[in-house]
Amino acid sequence: TVSVGDRVAVPNVLGKPEAEAQRLIREAGLATTYSNYQAAEDVPERNRAIFSTVAVGSVVSSDPLAGTLLERGAVVNIAVRKK
């Protein structure tokens, strides 16, 4: 995990299973909230190529994006592929 002062980078959790992604986010010193479960029709057109490459139950996007520096404890939202 990259750290600058009291700021840490959002880890890259794209394609990771939901539980692993939440663990990686917490280990980075950040927080998560509930996961947003998305079907293909819920995903913006620009993210559909990514959506089709990840398994059901895996992360299709994070907000903020991986690499973004945030204050420790800030919330990272994840979207997870549903059936």
C-alpha atoms as a PDB file:
ATOM      1  CA  THR A   1       0.000   0.000   0.000  1.00  0.00           C
ATOM      2  CA  VAL A   2       1.346   3.414  -0.940  1.00  0.00           C
ATOM      3  CA  SER A   3       1.312   5.973   1.871  1.00  0.00           C
ATOM      4  CA  VAL A   4       2.092   9.706   1.781  1.00  0.00           C
ATOM      5  CA  GLY A   5       1.938  11.342   5.196  1.00  0.00           C
ATOM      6  CA  ASP A   6      -1.478  10.502   6.550  1.00  0.00           C
ATOM      7  CA  ARG A   7      -2.832   9.720   3.080  1.00  0.00           C
ATOM      8  CA  VAL A   8      -2.980   6.286   1.505  1.00  0.00           C
ATOM      9  CA  ALA A   9      -3.626   5.099  -2.033  1.00  0.00           C
ATOM     10  CA  VAL A  10      -6.790   3.228  -2.912  1.00  0.00           C
ATOM     11  CA  PRO A  11      -5.700  -0.347  -3.693  1.00  0.00           C
ATOM     12  CA  ASN A  12      -6.491  -1.893  -7.067  1.00  0.00           C
ATOM     13  CA  VAL A  13      -9.344  -4.302  -6.278  1.00  0.00           C
ATOM     14  CA  LEU A  14     -10.729  -4.634  -9.802  1.00  0.00           C
ATOM     15  CA  GLY A  15     -11.541  -8.277 -10.524  1.00  0.00           C
ATOM     16  CA  LYS A  16     -10.983  -9.369  -6.911  1.00  0.00           C
ATOM     17  CA  PRO A  17     -13.662 -11.319  -5.030  1.00  0.00           C
ATOM     18  CA  GLU A  18     -15.791  -9.009  -2.873  1.00  0.00           C
ATOM     19  CA  ALA A  19     -14.470 -10.220   0.511  1.00  0.00           C
ATOM     20  CA  GLU A  20     -10.844  -9.959  -0.610  1.00  0.00           C
ATOM     21  CA  ALA A  21     -11.432  -6.456  -1.986  1.00  0.00           C
ATOM     22  CA  GLN A  22     -12.981  -5.298   1.282  1.00  0.00           C
ATOM     23  CA  ARG A  23     -10.053  -6.798   3.217  1.00  0.00           C
ATOM     24  CA  LEU A  24      -7.480  -5.063   0.996  1.00  0.00           C
ATOM     25  CA  ILE A  25      -9.263  -1.733   1.385  1.00  0.00           C
ATOM     26  CA  ARG A  26      -9.346  -2.084   5.194  1.00  0.00           C
ATOM     27  CA  GLU A  27      -5.685  -3.173   5.297  1.00  0.00           C
ATOM     28  CA  ALA A  28      -4.804   0.001   3.370  1.00  0.00           C
ATOM     29  CA  GLY A  29      -6.299   2.036   6.227  1.00  0.00           C
ATOM     30  CA  LEU A  30      -9.503   2.885   4.391  1.00  0.00           C
ATOM     31  CA  ALA A  31     -13.143   1.940   4.981  1.00  0.00           C
ATOM     32  CA  THR A  32     -15.885   0.389   2.880  1.00  0.00           C
ATOM     33  CA  THR A  33     -19.639   0.598   3.012  1.00  0.00           C
ATOM     34  CA  TYR A  34     -22.189  -1.758   1.537  1.00  0.00           C
ATOM     35  CA  SER A  35     -21.353  -3.168  -1.874  1.00  0.00           C
ATOM     36  CA  ASN A  36     -23.322  -2.055  -4.915  1.00  0.00           C
ATOM     37  CA  TYR A  37     -24.362  -5.190  -6.829  1.00  0.00           C
ATOM     38  CA  GLN A  38     -24.626  -4.570 -10.559  1.00  0.00           C
ATOM     39  CA  ALA A  39     -25.901  -6.481 -13.572  1.00  0.00           C
ATOM     40  CA  ALA A  40     -24.673  -5.731 -17.100  1.00  0.00           C
ATOM     41  CA  GLU A  41     -27.482  -3.240 -17.706  1.00  0.00           C
ATOM     42  CA  ASP A  42     -26.523  -1.300 -14.533  1.00  0.00           C
ATOM     43  CA  VAL A  43     -22.947  -0.675 -15.679  1.00  0.00           C
ATOM     44  CA  PRO A  44     -22.056   2.453 -17.682  1.00  0.00           C
ATOM     45  CA  GLU A  45     -21.178   1.682 -21.304  1.00  0.00           C
ATOM     46  CA  ARG A  46     -17.503   2.565 -20.703  1.00  0.00           C
ATOM     47  CA  ASN A  47     -17.239  -0.185 -18.043  1.00  0.00           C
ATOM     48  CA  ARG A  48     -19.019  -3.004 -19.892  1.00  0.00           C
ATOM     49  CA  ALA A  49     -15.817  -4.461 -21.331  1.00  0.00           C
ATOM     50  CA  ILE A  50     -14.429  -4.810 -17.808  1.00  0.00           C
ATOM     51  CA  PHE A  51     -17.720  -6.198 -16.523  1.00  0.00           C
ATOM     52  CA  SER A  52     -17.647  -9.100 -18.968  1.00  0.00           C
ATOM     53  CA  THR A  53     -14.127 -10.125 -17.869  1.00  0.00           C
ATOM     54  CA  VAL A  54     -14.753 -10.521 -14.116  1.00  0.00           C
ATOM     55  CA  ALA A  55     -16.463 -13.395 -12.347  1.00  0.00           C
ATOM     56  CA  VAL A  56     -19.808 -13.073 -10.605  1.00  0.00           C
ATOM     57  CA  GLY A  57     -19.127 -11.801  -7.077  1.00  0.00           C
ATOM     58  CA  SER A  58     -16.021  -9.875  -8.129  1.00  0.00           C
ATOM     59  CA  VAL A  59     -15.387  -6.125  -8.165  1.00  0.00           C
ATOM     60  CA  VAL A  60     -16.172  -4.295 -11.413  1.00  0.00           C
ATOM     61  CA  SER A  61     -15.329  -0.770 -10.202  1.00  0.00           C
ATOM     62  CA  SER A  62     -14.252   1.309  -7.236  1.00  0.00           C
ATOM     63  CA  ASP A  63     -14.956   4.905  -6.333  1.00  0.00           C
ATOM     64  CA  PRO A  64     -12.518   6.557  -5.985  1.00  0.00           C
ATOM     65  CA  LEU A  65     -10.318   4.806  -8.530  1.00  0.00           C
ATOM     66  CA  ALA A  66      -7.255   2.753  -7.625  1.00  0.00           C
ATOM     67  CA  GLY A  67      -4.225   4.907  -6.900  1.00  0.00           C
ATOM     68  CA  THR A  68      -6.222   7.883  -5.627  1.00  0.00           C
ATOM     69  CA  LEU A  69      -4.700   9.291  -2.415  1.00  0.00           C
ATOM     70  CA  LEU A  70      -7.182   9.603   0.441  1.00  0.00           C
ATOM     71  CA  GLU A  71      -7.009  10.432   4.138  1.00  0.00           C
ATOM     72  CA  ARG A  72      -6.840   7.326   6.321  1.00  0.00           C
ATOM     73  CA  GLY A  73     -10.347   6.162   7.193  1.00  0.00           C
ATOM     74  CA  ALA A  74     -11.954   7.577   4.032  1.00  0.00           C
ATOM     75  CA  VAL A  75     -14.623   5.432   2.388  1.00  0.00           C
ATOM     76  CA  VAL A  76     -14.073   3.505  -0.840  1.00  0.00           C
ATOM     77  CA  ASN A  77     -17.225   2.273  -2.570  1.00  0.00           C
ATOM     78  CA  ILE A  78     -17.117  -0.884  -4.659  1.00  0.00           C
ATOM     79  CA  ALA A  79     -19.464  -2.298  -7.270  1.00  0.00           C
ATOM     80  CA  VAL A  80     -19.710  -6.094  -7.486  1.00  0.00           C
ATOM     81  CA  ARG A  81     -20.910  -8.166 -10.443  1.00  0.00           C
ATOM     82  CA  LYS A  82     -24.170  -9.953  -9.817  1.00  0.00           C
ATOM     83  CA  LYS A  83     -25.746 -12.651 -11.981  1.00  0.00           C
END
